[in-house]
């Protein structure tokens, strides 16, 4: 049993023995909150990882998310209380390189109870919005045909390199948004089930079963994306920042990002002119923006090109009043994509 969970279990047992020898009033005072003493405390760095931990852990875990609803998670700053939660957790689920403050807290406080999803699913190279694009349509799609077996992630990575944007990040930064490929997300879920089982062996079968059920749902979602995006009038999507590489690689689309990885970056006038030119070249009907950042730049390009704007959500977090989840947002994204791309 994991040391944190073991300590809580011992404390609970000792507390029960003391209560037997104490007064009734003491027993009542000690009973508050004891129902959660044997669950696995999981800290998740941001929403997709929180969703994964809740779905796989079920009632055997208590999940705390570090990024609050409505907050942009890239530049999250942790309070002392949150750093304490990282230290006290039985398992910290995070993605190294995405949130520097979380990386620092994990390095200093998490010890051996950290689960870095990058160790399960290596990340694709990021793209940077500051350079021009060069789309050779026929050659690009010929390369895509060479990589038709998208069940193999190695083939997808080769495809990503062949279809790489000309303004790839020269610093070697990586795209963290792997959850936008449901098959990769399922692989992370399988590995998380194994890690939870190591923390709490008594619930290992439950974790495995929930991960298998989630994989089935994710594979169904993947099949729906594949089918509905197979026959479209165009395959270029214009996005507010370069968050959709996993989606475009998986479903053979082309991402034209207004800015790079950070949604807070402002495009240069040159970059705006380039994107406007590409939007006209590809006869784009839709400029996509995101829920957690301002739509003003997307609206500017849409006004210049006569296009509409629509949401394409990278699902880094949910709005405070949102009543959906990962699956509902992915389905909304798919509906918006098929409308924008003229898919039959």
C-alpha atoms as a PDB file:
ATOM      1  CA  UNK A   1       0.000   0.000   0.000  1.00  0.00           C
ATOM      2  CA  UNK A   2       1.255   3.513  -0.815  1.00  0.00           C
ATOM      3  CA  UNK A   3       2.852   5.240   2.176  1.00  0.00           C
ATOM      4  CA  UNK A   4       0.422   8.188   2.253  1.00  0.00           C
ATOM      5  CA  UNK A   5      -2.625   5.940   2.121  1.00  0.00           C
ATOM      6  CA  UNK A   6      -1.024   3.604   4.664  1.00  0.00           C
ATOM      7  CA  UNK A   7      -0.434   6.447   7.110  1.00  0.00           C
ATOM      8  CA  UNK A   8      -4.055   7.563   6.842  1.00  0.00           C
ATOM      9  CA  UNK A   9      -5.292   3.998   7.333  1.00  0.00           C
ATOM     10  CA  UNK A  10      -3.124   3.568  10.442  1.00  0.00           C
ATOM     11  CA  UNK A  11      -4.293   6.915  11.761  1.00  0.00           C
ATOM     12  CA  UNK A  12      -7.904   5.923  11.222  1.00  0.00           C
ATOM     13  CA  UNK A  13      -7.416   2.617  13.047  1.00  0.00           C
ATOM     14  CA  UNK A  14      -5.637   4.300  15.955  1.00  0.00           C
ATOM     15  CA  UNK A  15      -8.376   6.910  16.149  1.00  0.00           C
ATOM     16  CA  UNK A  16     -11.023   4.213  16.316  1.00  0.00           C
ATOM     17  CA  UNK A  17      -9.224   2.445  19.180  1.00  0.00           C
ATOM     18  CA  UNK A  18      -8.900   5.685  21.118  1.00  0.00           C
ATOM     19  CA  UNK A  19     -12.576   6.422  20.566  1.00  0.00           C
ATOM     20  CA  UNK A  20     -13.507   3.084  22.151  1.00  0.00           C
ATOM     21  CA  UNK A  21     -11.836   4.161  25.372  1.00  0.00           C
ATOM     22  CA  UNK A  22     -13.143   7.736  25.354  1.00  0.00           C
ATOM     23  CA  UNK A  23     -16.433   9.446  26.059  1.00  0.00           C
ATOM     24  CA  UNK A  24     -19.406   9.526  23.725  1.00  0.00           C
ATOM     25  CA  UNK A  25     -18.758  13.218  23.061  1.00  0.00           C
ATOM     26  CA  UNK A  26     -15.222  12.446  21.947  1.00  0.00           C
ATOM     27  CA  UNK A  27     -16.502   9.721  19.637  1.00  0.00           C
ATOM     28  CA  UNK A  28     -18.873  12.173  18.008  1.00  0.00           C
ATOM     29  CA  UNK A  29     -16.116  14.741  17.497  1.00  0.00           C
ATOM     30  CA  UNK A  30     -13.812  12.167  15.913  1.00  0.00           C
ATOM     31  CA  UNK A  31     -16.375  10.818  13.439  1.00  0.00           C
ATOM     32  CA  UNK A  32     -16.509  13.894  11.194  1.00  0.00           C
ATOM     33  CA  UNK A  33     -14.927  13.252   7.764  1.00  0.00           C
ATOM     34  CA  UNK A  34     -13.760   9.704   8.504  1.00  0.00           C
ATOM     35  CA  UNK A  35     -15.568   8.321   5.419  1.00  0.00           C
ATOM     36  CA  UNK A  36     -12.842   9.765   3.157  1.00  0.00           C
ATOM     37  CA  UNK A  37      -9.852   8.507   5.163  1.00  0.00           C
ATOM     38  CA  UNK A  38      -9.291   5.425   3.017  1.00  0.00           C
ATOM     39  CA  UNK A  39      -9.831   6.936  -0.433  1.00  0.00           C
ATOM     40  CA  UNK A  40      -6.846   7.751  -2.609  1.00  0.00           C
ATOM     41  CA  UNK A  41      -6.121  11.492  -2.653  1.00  0.00           C
ATOM     42  CA  UNK A  42      -5.352  12.486  -6.242  1.00  0.00           C
ATOM     43  CA  UNK A  43      -4.252  15.958  -7.296  1.00  0.00           C
ATOM     44  CA  UNK A  44      -4.776  16.674 -11.012  1.00  0.00           C
ATOM     45  CA  UNK A  45      -2.949  19.585 -12.616  1.00  0.00           C
ATOM     46  CA  UNK A  46      -5.751  20.676 -14.996  1.00  0.00           C
ATOM     47  CA  UNK A  47      -9.146  19.612 -16.300  1.00  0.00           C
ATOM     48  CA  UNK A  48      -8.482  16.738 -18.769  1.00  0.00           C
ATOM     49  CA  UNK A  49      -6.323  14.975 -16.182  1.00  0.00           C
ATOM     50  CA  UNK A  50      -8.939  15.629 -13.504  1.00  0.00           C
ATOM     51  CA  UNK A  51     -11.607  14.135 -15.781  1.00  0.00           C
ATOM     52  CA  UNK A  52      -9.439  11.079 -16.371  1.00  0.00           C
ATOM     53  CA  UNK A  53      -8.732  10.542 -12.665  1.00  0.00           C
ATOM     54  CA  UNK A  54     -12.401  10.899 -11.715  1.00  0.00           C
ATOM     55  CA  UNK A  55     -13.616   8.513 -14.398  1.00  0.00           C
ATOM     56  CA  UNK A  56     -11.036   5.829 -13.649  1.00  0.00           C
ATOM     57  CA  UNK A  57     -10.831   6.280  -9.885  1.00  0.00           C
ATOM     58  CA  UNK A  58     -14.574   6.393  -9.246  1.00  0.00           C
ATOM     59  CA  UNK A  59     -15.582   6.437  -5.593  1.00  0.00           C
ATOM     60  CA  UNK A  60     -12.219   5.021  -4.548  1.00  0.00           C
ATOM     61  CA  UNK A  61     -10.511   8.366  -5.108  1.00  0.00           C
ATOM     62  CA  UNK A  62     -10.892  11.972  -4.050  1.00  0.00           C
ATOM     63  CA  UNK A  63      -9.708  14.236  -6.871  1.00  0.00           C
ATOM     64  CA  UNK A  64      -8.580  17.826  -6.407  1.00  0.00           C
ATOM     65  CA  UNK A  65      -7.982  19.976  -9.492  1.00  0.00           C
ATOM     66  CA  UNK A  66      -5.315  22.664  -9.289  1.00  0.00           C
ATOM     67  CA  UNK A  67      -6.649  24.831 -12.147  1.00  0.00           C
ATOM     68  CA  UNK A  68     -10.037  26.365 -11.236  1.00  0.00           C
ATOM     69  CA  UNK A  69     -12.868  26.451 -13.792  1.00  0.00           C
ATOM     70  CA  UNK A  70     -12.612  29.383 -16.162  1.00  0.00           C
ATOM     71  CA  UNK A  71      -8.879  29.850 -15.597  1.00  0.00           C
ATOM     72  CA  UNK A  72      -6.301  29.514 -18.348  1.00  0.00           C
ATOM     73  CA  UNK A  73      -4.052  26.728 -16.990  1.00  0.00           C
ATOM     74  CA  UNK A  74      -0.763  27.510 -18.775  1.00  0.00           C
ATOM     75  CA  UNK A  75       0.326  30.249 -16.373  1.00  0.00           C
ATOM     76  CA  UNK A  76      -1.297  28.871 -13.223  1.00  0.00           C
ATOM     77  CA  UNK A  77       0.290  30.060  -9.976  1.00  0.00           C
ATOM     78  CA  UNK A  78      -0.108  27.828  -6.926  1.00  0.00           C
ATOM     79  CA  UNK A  79      -1.096  29.033  -3.489  1.00  0.00           C
ATOM     80  CA  UNK A  80       0.691  27.664  -0.407  1.00  0.00           C
ATOM     81  CA  UNK A  81      -2.400  25.553   0.248  1.00  0.00           C
ATOM     82  CA  UNK A  82      -2.180  23.992  -3.217  1.00  0.00           C
ATOM     83  CA  UNK A  83       1.531  23.274  -2.784  1.00  0.00           C
ATOM     84  CA  UNK A  84       0.563  21.511   0.439  1.00  0.00           C
ATOM     85  CA  UNK A  85      -2.009  19.461  -1.461  1.00  0.00           C
ATOM     86  CA  UNK A  86       0.692  18.372  -3.904  1.00  0.00           C
ATOM     87  CA  UNK A  87       2.887  17.326  -0.985  1.00  0.00           C
ATOM     88  CA  UNK A  88       0.132  15.436   0.845  1.00  0.00           C
ATOM     89  CA  UNK A  89      -1.442  13.678  -2.143  1.00  0.00           C
ATOM     90  CA  UNK A  90      -1.202   9.955  -2.712  1.00  0.00           C
ATOM     91  CA  UNK A  91      -0.824  10.659  -6.438  1.00  0.00           C
ATOM     92  CA  UNK A  92      -0.181  13.835  -8.444  1.00  0.00           C
ATOM     93  CA  UNK A  93      -1.216  13.610 -12.092  1.00  0.00           C
ATOM     94  CA  UNK A  94       0.446  16.255 -14.257  1.00  0.00           C
ATOM     95  CA  UNK A  95       2.005  16.943 -17.654  1.00  0.00           C
ATOM     96  CA  UNK A  96       5.563  18.182 -17.393  1.00  0.00           C
ATOM     97  CA  UNK A  97       6.413  21.304 -19.363  1.00  0.00           C
ATOM     98  CA  UNK A  98       2.824  22.585 -19.510  1.00  0.00           C
ATOM     99  CA  UNK A  99       2.560  24.403 -16.170  1.00  0.00           C
ATOM    100  CA  UNK A 100       5.902  25.607 -14.745  1.00  0.00           C
ATOM    101  CA  UNK A 101       4.493  26.248 -11.267  1.00  0.00           C
ATOM    102  CA  UNK A 102       3.150  22.700 -11.091  1.00  0.00           C
ATOM    103  CA  UNK A 103       6.462  21.309 -12.345  1.00  0.00           C
ATOM    104  CA  UNK A 104       8.276  23.160  -9.561  1.00  0.00           C
ATOM    105  CA  UNK A 105       5.862  21.950  -6.885  1.00  0.00           C
ATOM    106  CA  UNK A 106       6.096  18.359  -8.103  1.00  0.00           C
ATOM    107  CA  UNK A 107       9.899  18.479  -8.140  1.00  0.00           C
ATOM    108  CA  UNK A 108      10.084  19.908  -4.630  1.00  0.00           C
ATOM    109  CA  UNK A 109       7.144  18.226  -2.913  1.00  0.00           C
ATOM    110  CA  UNK A 110       5.761  15.204  -4.752  1.00  0.00           C
ATOM    111  CA  UNK A 111       8.610  12.746  -4.318  1.00  0.00           C
ATOM    112  CA  UNK A 112       7.729   9.337  -5.726  1.00  0.00           C
ATOM    113  CA  UNK A 113       3.986   9.969  -5.884  1.00  0.00           C
ATOM    114  CA  UNK A 114       3.921  11.861  -9.207  1.00  0.00           C
ATOM    115  CA  UNK A 115       2.515  10.510 -12.473  1.00  0.00           C
ATOM    116  CA  UNK A 116       3.775  12.404 -15.517  1.00  0.00           C
ATOM    117  CA  UNK A 117       1.659  11.577 -18.570  1.00  0.00           C
ATOM    118  CA  UNK A 118       4.546  12.550 -20.862  1.00  0.00           C
ATOM    119  CA  UNK A 119       6.250   9.340 -19.790  1.00  0.00           C
ATOM    120  CA  UNK A 120       3.277   7.429 -21.233  1.00  0.00           C
ATOM    121  CA  UNK A 121       2.627   9.421 -24.424  1.00  0.00           C
ATOM    122  CA  UNK A 122       5.596  11.330 -25.905  1.00  0.00           C
ATOM    123  CA  UNK A 123       4.516  14.744 -27.112  1.00  0.00           C
ATOM    124  CA  UNK A 124       4.401  16.028 -30.671  1.00  0.00           C
ATOM    125  CA  UNK A 125       6.476  19.039 -31.707  1.00  0.00           C
ATOM    126  CA  UNK A 126       4.770  22.380 -31.219  1.00  0.00           C
ATOM    127  CA  UNK A 127       4.187  25.015 -33.894  1.00  0.00           C
ATOM    128  CA  UNK A 128       4.927  28.675 -33.651  1.00  0.00           C
ATOM    129  CA  UNK A 129       2.655  31.341 -35.176  1.00  0.00           C
ATOM    130  CA  UNK A 130       5.438  33.710 -36.198  1.00  0.00           C
ATOM    131  CA  UNK A 131       6.491  32.169 -39.497  1.00  0.00           C
ATOM    132  CA  UNK A 132       4.710  31.800 -42.813  1.00  0.00           C
ATOM    133  CA  UNK A 133       3.004  28.641 -44.056  1.00  0.00           C
ATOM    134  CA  UNK A 134       3.781  26.729 -47.211  1.00  0.00           C
ATOM    135  CA  UNK A 135       0.960  24.385 -48.177  1.00  0.00           C
ATOM    136  CA  UNK A 136       1.628  22.149 -51.174  1.00  0.00           C
ATOM    137  CA  UNK A 137      -1.783  20.572 -51.201  1.00  0.00           C
ATOM    138  CA  UNK A 138      -1.302  17.573 -53.452  1.00  0.00           C
ATOM    139  CA  UNK A 139       2.069  16.619 -52.006  1.00  0.00           C
ATOM    140  CA  UNK A 140       0.765  17.026 -48.467  1.00  0.00           C
ATOM    141  CA  UNK A 141      -2.195  14.722 -48.986  1.00  0.00           C
ATOM    142  CA  UNK A 142      -0.054  12.166 -50.803  1.00  0.00           C
ATOM    143  CA  UNK A 143       2.068  12.022 -47.665  1.00  0.00           C
ATOM    144  CA  UNK A 144      -1.094  11.621 -45.597  1.00  0.00           C
ATOM    145  CA  UNK A 145      -2.107   8.610 -47.674  1.00  0.00           C
ATOM    146  CA  UNK A 146       1.252   7.014 -46.904  1.00  0.00           C
ATOM    147  CA  UNK A 147       0.290   7.136 -43.227  1.00  0.00           C
ATOM    148  CA  UNK A 148      -3.211   5.711 -43.358  1.00  0.00           C
ATOM    149  CA  UNK A 149      -2.817   3.347 -40.425  1.00  0.00           C
ATOM    150  CA  UNK A 150      -3.542   5.849 -37.698  1.00  0.00           C
ATOM    151  CA  UNK A 151      -3.989   3.235 -35.006  1.00  0.00           C
ATOM    152  CA  UNK A 152      -0.207   3.221 -34.720  1.00  0.00           C
ATOM    153  CA  UNK A 153       1.022   6.311 -32.902  1.00  0.00           C
ATOM    154  CA  UNK A 154       4.474   5.963 -34.394  1.00  0.00           C
ATOM    155  CA  UNK A 155       2.950   6.369 -37.858  1.00  0.00           C
ATOM    156  CA  UNK A 156       1.079   9.427 -36.638  1.00  0.00           C
ATOM    157  CA  UNK A 157       4.296  10.995 -35.406  1.00  0.00           C
ATOM    158  CA  UNK A 158       5.908  10.405 -38.832  1.00  0.00           C
ATOM    159  CA  UNK A 159       2.854  11.973 -40.456  1.00  0.00           C
ATOM    160  CA  UNK A 160       3.136  14.964 -38.150  1.00  0.00           C
ATOM    161  CA  UNK A 161       6.725  15.501 -39.218  1.00  0.00           C
ATOM    162  CA  UNK A 162       5.845  15.290 -42.908  1.00  0.00           C
ATOM    163  CA  UNK A 163       2.886  17.655 -42.465  1.00  0.00           C
ATOM    164  CA  UNK A 164       4.727  19.957 -40.071  1.00  0.00           C
ATOM    165  CA  UNK A 165       3.945  23.629 -40.238  1.00  0.00           C
ATOM    166  CA  UNK A 166       6.774  25.749 -41.683  1.00  0.00           C
ATOM    167  CA  UNK A 167       6.747  27.854 -38.521  1.00  0.00           C
ATOM    168  CA  UNK A 168       7.568  24.930 -36.199  1.00  0.00           C
ATOM    169  CA  UNK A 169       8.908  26.073 -32.870  1.00  0.00           C
ATOM    170  CA  UNK A 170      12.657  26.466 -33.246  1.00  0.00           C
ATOM    171  CA  UNK A 171      13.217  26.016 -29.517  1.00  0.00           C
ATOM    172  CA  UNK A 172      12.003  22.418 -29.649  1.00  0.00           C
ATOM    173  CA  UNK A 173       8.902  23.048 -27.538  1.00  0.00           C
ATOM    174  CA  UNK A 174       6.273  20.340 -27.445  1.00  0.00           C
ATOM    175  CA  UNK A 175       2.507  20.435 -27.885  1.00  0.00           C
ATOM    176  CA  UNK A 176       0.870  19.276 -24.621  1.00  0.00           C
ATOM    177  CA  UNK A 177      -2.712  18.874 -25.936  1.00  0.00           C
ATOM    178  CA  UNK A 178      -2.581  15.091 -26.394  1.00  0.00           C
ATOM    179  CA  UNK A 179      -6.114  14.606 -25.021  1.00  0.00           C
ATOM    180  CA  UNK A 180      -7.478  15.967 -28.331  1.00  0.00           C
ATOM    181  CA  UNK A 181      -6.552  12.592 -29.838  1.00  0.00           C
ATOM    182  CA  UNK A 182      -8.952  10.180 -28.091  1.00  0.00           C
ATOM    183  CA  UNK A 183      -6.707   7.172 -28.751  1.00  0.00           C
ATOM    184  CA  UNK A 184      -3.743   8.782 -27.014  1.00  0.00           C
ATOM    185  CA  UNK A 185      -5.989   9.867 -24.152  1.00  0.00           C
ATOM    186  CA  UNK A 186      -7.143   6.262 -23.761  1.00  0.00           C
ATOM    187  CA  UNK A 187      -3.529   5.090 -23.524  1.00  0.00           C
ATOM    188  CA  UNK A 188      -2.893   7.583 -20.725  1.00  0.00           C
ATOM    189  CA  UNK A 189      -6.027   6.296 -18.990  1.00  0.00           C
ATOM    190  CA  UNK A 190      -4.780   2.709 -19.102  1.00  0.00           C
ATOM    191  CA  UNK A 191      -1.476   3.754 -17.554  1.00  0.00           C
ATOM    192  CA  UNK A 192      -3.234   5.820 -14.884  1.00  0.00           C
ATOM    193  CA  UNK A 193      -5.294   2.768 -13.901  1.00  0.00           C
ATOM    194  CA  UNK A 194      -2.076   0.825 -13.397  1.00  0.00           C
ATOM    195  CA  UNK A 195      -0.608   3.585 -11.272  1.00  0.00           C
ATOM    196  CA  UNK A 196      -3.750   3.851  -9.133  1.00  0.00           C
ATOM    197  CA  UNK A 197      -3.684   0.086  -8.685  1.00  0.00           C
ATOM    198  CA  UNK A 198      -0.149   0.354  -7.320  1.00  0.00           C
ATOM    199  CA  UNK A 199      -1.368   2.920  -4.785  1.00  0.00           C
ATOM    200  CA  UNK A 200      -4.535   1.027  -3.861  1.00  0.00           C
ATOM    201  CA  UNK A 201      -4.265  -2.680  -4.821  1.00  0.00           C
ATOM    202  CA  UNK A 202      -7.634  -3.499  -3.216  1.00  0.00           C
ATOM    203  CA  UNK A 203      -9.374  -1.565  -6.017  1.00  0.00           C
ATOM    204  CA  UNK A 204      -7.083  -2.605  -8.860  1.00  0.00           C
ATOM    205  CA  UNK A 205      -9.782  -4.550 -10.698  1.00  0.00           C
ATOM    206  CA  UNK A 206     -12.167  -1.603 -10.463  1.00  0.00           C
ATOM    207  CA  UNK A 207      -9.580   0.796 -11.879  1.00  0.00           C
ATOM    208  CA  UNK A 208      -8.816  -1.569 -14.743  1.00  0.00           C
ATOM    209  CA  UNK A 209     -12.502  -2.064 -15.558  1.00  0.00           C
ATOM    210  CA  UNK A 210     -13.215   1.672 -15.551  1.00  0.00           C
ATOM    211  CA  UNK A 211     -10.224   2.369 -17.783  1.00  0.00           C
ATOM    212  CA  UNK A 212     -11.415  -0.306 -20.220  1.00  0.00           C
ATOM    213  CA  UNK A 213     -14.906   1.190 -20.288  1.00  0.00           C
ATOM    214  CA  UNK A 214     -13.476   4.655 -20.862  1.00  0.00           C
ATOM    215  CA  UNK A 215     -11.269   3.340 -23.673  1.00  0.00           C
ATOM    216  CA  UNK A 216     -14.368   1.927 -25.376  1.00  0.00           C
ATOM    217  CA  UNK A 217     -16.065   5.342 -25.194  1.00  0.00           C
ATOM    218  CA  UNK A 218     -12.957   7.088 -26.508  1.00  0.00           C
ATOM    219  CA  UNK A 219     -12.586   4.628 -29.390  1.00  0.00           C
ATOM    220  CA  UNK A 220     -16.226   5.227 -30.299  1.00  0.00           C
ATOM    221  CA  UNK A 221     -15.563   8.977 -30.284  1.00  0.00           C
ATOM    222  CA  UNK A 222     -12.492   8.441 -32.454  1.00  0.00           C
ATOM    223  CA  UNK A 223     -14.506   6.412 -34.965  1.00  0.00           C
ATOM    224  CA  UNK A 224     -17.127   9.170 -35.137  1.00  0.00           C
ATOM    225  CA  UNK A 225     -14.472  11.800 -35.817  1.00  0.00           C
ATOM    226  CA  UNK A 226     -12.879   9.612 -38.487  1.00  0.00           C
ATOM    227  CA  UNK A 227     -16.183   8.996 -40.260  1.00  0.00           C
ATOM    228  CA  UNK A 228     -17.551  12.538 -40.144  1.00  0.00           C
ATOM    229  CA  UNK A 229     -14.273  14.204 -41.179  1.00  0.00           C
ATOM    230  CA  UNK A 230     -13.503  11.799 -44.020  1.00  0.00           C
ATOM    231  CA  UNK A 231     -15.234  13.682 -46.857  1.00  0.00           C
ATOM    232  CA  UNK A 232     -14.956  17.467 -46.556  1.00  0.00           C
ATOM    233  CA  UNK A 233     -14.733  20.353 -49.013  1.00  0.00           C
ATOM    234  CA  UNK A 234     -11.551  21.622 -47.336  1.00  0.00           C
ATOM    235  CA  UNK A 235      -9.171  20.393 -44.672  1.00  0.00           C
ATOM    236  CA  UNK A 236      -7.632  23.590 -43.335  1.00  0.00           C
ATOM    237  CA  UNK A 237      -8.693  24.932 -39.946  1.00  0.00           C
ATOM    238  CA  UNK A 238      -7.727  28.425 -38.793  1.00  0.00           C
ATOM    239  CA  UNK A 239      -7.291  28.452 -35.025  1.00  0.00           C
ATOM    240  CA  UNK A 240      -6.482  31.151 -32.488  1.00  0.00           C
ATOM    241  CA  UNK A 241      -3.402  29.289 -31.240  1.00  0.00           C
ATOM    242  CA  UNK A 242      -1.491  26.132 -32.072  1.00  0.00           C
ATOM    243  CA  UNK A 243      -3.387  23.795 -29.758  1.00  0.00           C
ATOM    244  CA  UNK A 244      -4.853  21.343 -32.260  1.00  0.00           C
ATOM    245  CA  UNK A 245      -1.886  19.439 -33.657  1.00  0.00           C
ATOM    246  CA  UNK A 246      -3.018  16.097 -32.219  1.00  0.00           C
ATOM    247  CA  UNK A 247      -6.476  16.503 -33.703  1.00  0.00           C
ATOM    248  CA  UNK A 248      -5.185  17.521 -37.130  1.00  0.00           C
ATOM    249  CA  UNK A 249      -2.622  14.722 -37.244  1.00  0.00           C
ATOM    250  CA  UNK A 250      -5.144  12.102 -36.231  1.00  0.00           C
ATOM    251  CA  UNK A 251      -7.812  13.161 -38.725  1.00  0.00           C
ATOM    252  CA  UNK A 252      -5.603  14.457 -41.547  1.00  0.00           C
ATOM    253  CA  UNK A 253      -6.481  18.125 -41.285  1.00  0.00           C
ATOM    254  CA  UNK A 254      -4.163  21.131 -41.643  1.00  0.00           C
ATOM    255  CA  UNK A 255      -3.878  23.616 -38.777  1.00  0.00           C
ATOM    256  CA  UNK A 256      -3.249  27.275 -39.587  1.00  0.00           C
ATOM    257  CA  UNK A 257      -2.572  28.823 -36.190  1.00  0.00           C
ATOM    258  CA  UNK A 258      -2.750  32.567 -35.661  1.00  0.00           C
ATOM    259  CA  UNK A 259      -0.277  32.347 -32.767  1.00  0.00           C
ATOM    260  CA  UNK A 260       1.922  29.675 -31.227  1.00  0.00           C
ATOM    261  CA  UNK A 261       1.432  27.531 -28.148  1.00  0.00           C
ATOM    262  CA  UNK A 262       0.552  30.293 -25.713  1.00  0.00           C
ATOM    263  CA  UNK A 263      -3.004  31.588 -26.102  1.00  0.00           C
ATOM    264  CA  UNK A 264      -1.897  34.848 -24.476  1.00  0.00           C
ATOM    265  CA  UNK A 265       0.471  35.743 -27.347  1.00  0.00           C
ATOM    266  CA  UNK A 266      -0.547  38.545 -29.682  1.00  0.00           C
ATOM    267  CA  UNK A 267       0.082  38.024 -33.407  1.00  0.00           C
ATOM    268  CA  UNK A 268       2.274  40.509 -35.258  1.00  0.00           C
ATOM    269  CA  UNK A 269       0.729  42.565 -38.065  1.00  0.00           C
ATOM    270  CA  UNK A 270       2.732  40.439 -40.503  1.00  0.00           C
ATOM    271  CA  UNK A 271       1.282  37.265 -39.054  1.00  0.00           C
ATOM    272  CA  UNK A 272      -2.266  38.646 -39.247  1.00  0.00           C
ATOM    273  CA  UNK A 273      -1.721  39.494 -42.912  1.00  0.00           C
ATOM    274  CA  UNK A 274      -0.408  35.984 -43.588  1.00  0.00           C
ATOM    275  CA  UNK A 275      -3.387  34.304 -41.942  1.00  0.00           C
ATOM    276  CA  UNK A 276      -5.828  36.559 -43.783  1.00  0.00           C
ATOM    277  CA  UNK A 277      -4.139  35.609 -47.061  1.00  0.00           C
ATOM    278  CA  UNK A 278      -4.331  31.904 -46.212  1.00  0.00           C
ATOM    279  CA  UNK A 279      -7.974  32.187 -45.174  1.00  0.00           C
ATOM    280  CA  UNK A 280      -8.809  33.665 -48.553  1.00  0.00           C
ATOM    281  CA  UNK A 281      -6.632  31.145 -50.408  1.00  0.00           C
ATOM    282  CA  UNK A 282      -8.387  28.201 -48.776  1.00  0.00           C
ATOM    283  CA  UNK A 283     -11.817  29.849 -48.902  1.00  0.00           C
ATOM    284  CA  UNK A 284     -12.208  29.435 -45.159  1.00  0.00           C
ATOM    285  CA  UNK A 285     -15.736  30.021 -43.956  1.00  0.00           C
ATOM    286  CA  UNK A 286     -14.896  29.908 -40.237  1.00  0.00           C
ATOM    287  CA  UNK A 287     -12.203  31.349 -37.973  1.00  0.00           C
ATOM    288  CA  UNK A 288     -12.031  29.418 -34.712  1.00  0.00           C
ATOM    289  CA  UNK A 289     -11.564  30.919 -31.255  1.00  0.00           C
ATOM    290  CA  UNK A 290     -11.505  29.421 -27.753  1.00  0.00           C
ATOM    291  CA  UNK A 291     -13.665  29.711 -24.667  1.00  0.00           C
ATOM    292  CA  UNK A 292     -10.933  30.772 -22.219  1.00  0.00           C
ATOM    293  CA  UNK A 293      -9.364  33.558 -24.315  1.00  0.00           C
ATOM    294  CA  UNK A 294     -10.603  36.672 -26.086  1.00  0.00           C
ATOM    295  CA  UNK A 295     -12.132  36.143 -29.557  1.00  0.00           C
ATOM    296  CA  UNK A 296     -11.033  39.601 -30.761  1.00  0.00           C
ATOM    297  CA  UNK A 297      -8.222  38.457 -33.073  1.00  0.00           C
ATOM    298  CA  UNK A 298     -10.391  35.748 -34.658  1.00  0.00           C
ATOM    299  CA  UNK A 299     -13.140  38.328 -35.143  1.00  0.00           C
ATOM    300  CA  UNK A 300     -10.687  40.700 -36.844  1.00  0.00           C
ATOM    301  CA  UNK A 301      -9.659  38.046 -39.374  1.00  0.00           C
ATOM    302  CA  UNK A 302     -13.274  37.015 -39.906  1.00  0.00           C
ATOM    303  CA  UNK A 303     -14.251  40.620 -40.623  1.00  0.00           C
ATOM    304  CA  UNK A 304     -11.440  40.948 -43.163  1.00  0.00           C
ATOM    305  CA  UNK A 305     -12.299  37.724 -44.990  1.00  0.00           C
ATOM    306  CA  UNK A 306     -16.082  37.606 -44.708  1.00  0.00           C
ATOM    307  CA  UNK A 307     -15.889  34.442 -42.602  1.00  0.00           C
ATOM    308  CA  UNK A 308     -17.816  33.557 -39.468  1.00  0.00           C
ATOM    309  CA  UNK A 309     -16.366  32.742 -36.054  1.00  0.00           C
ATOM    310  CA  UNK A 310     -17.023  29.605 -34.019  1.00  0.00           C
ATOM    311  CA  UNK A 311     -15.628  27.873 -30.952  1.00  0.00           C
ATOM    312  CA  UNK A 312     -13.023  25.136 -31.248  1.00  0.00           C
ATOM    313  CA  UNK A 313     -12.231  24.263 -27.661  1.00  0.00           C
ATOM    314  CA  UNK A 314      -8.811  22.815 -26.719  1.00  0.00           C
ATOM    315  CA  UNK A 315     -10.456  21.615 -23.481  1.00  0.00           C
ATOM    316  CA  UNK A 316      -7.732  22.970 -21.239  1.00  0.00           C
ATOM    317  CA  UNK A 317     -10.486  23.831 -18.765  1.00  0.00           C
ATOM    318  CA  UNK A 318     -14.241  24.273 -18.451  1.00  0.00           C
ATOM    319  CA  UNK A 319     -16.209  27.416 -17.763  1.00  0.00           C
ATOM    320  CA  UNK A 320     -17.441  27.815 -14.157  1.00  0.00           C
ATOM    321  CA  UNK A 321     -21.074  27.350 -15.191  1.00  0.00           C
ATOM    322  CA  UNK A 322     -20.436  24.523 -17.674  1.00  0.00           C
ATOM    323  CA  UNK A 323     -22.663  21.481 -17.321  1.00  0.00           C
ATOM    324  CA  UNK A 324     -20.797  19.319 -19.849  1.00  0.00           C
ATOM    325  CA  UNK A 325     -17.605  17.294 -19.754  1.00  0.00           C
ATOM    326  CA  UNK A 326     -14.782  16.167 -22.031  1.00  0.00           C
ATOM    327  CA  UNK A 327     -17.090  14.123 -24.250  1.00  0.00           C
ATOM    328  CA  UNK A 328     -19.726  16.819 -24.702  1.00  0.00           C
ATOM    329  CA  UNK A 329     -17.067  19.405 -25.629  1.00  0.00           C
ATOM    330  CA  UNK A 330     -15.427  16.995 -28.079  1.00  0.00           C
ATOM    331  CA  UNK A 331     -18.815  16.447 -29.738  1.00  0.00           C
ATOM    332  CA  UNK A 332     -19.397  20.206 -29.913  1.00  0.00           C
ATOM    333  CA  UNK A 333     -15.965  20.559 -31.526  1.00  0.00           C
ATOM    334  CA  UNK A 334     -16.814  17.885 -34.079  1.00  0.00           C
ATOM    335  CA  UNK A 335     -20.098  19.562 -35.014  1.00  0.00           C
ATOM    336  CA  UNK A 336     -18.345  22.900 -35.473  1.00  0.00           C
ATOM    337  CA  UNK A 337     -15.592  21.313 -37.541  1.00  0.00           C
ATOM    338  CA  UNK A 338     -17.957  19.539 -39.908  1.00  0.00           C
ATOM    339  CA  UNK A 339     -19.931  22.750 -40.418  1.00  0.00           C
ATOM    340  CA  UNK A 340     -16.792  24.815 -41.064  1.00  0.00           C
ATOM    341  CA  UNK A 341     -15.161  22.308 -43.409  1.00  0.00           C
ATOM    342  CA  UNK A 342     -18.268  21.472 -45.415  1.00  0.00           C
ATOM    343  CA  UNK A 343     -18.196  17.786 -44.555  1.00  0.00           C
ATOM    344  CA  UNK A 344     -20.852  15.493 -45.969  1.00  0.00           C
END
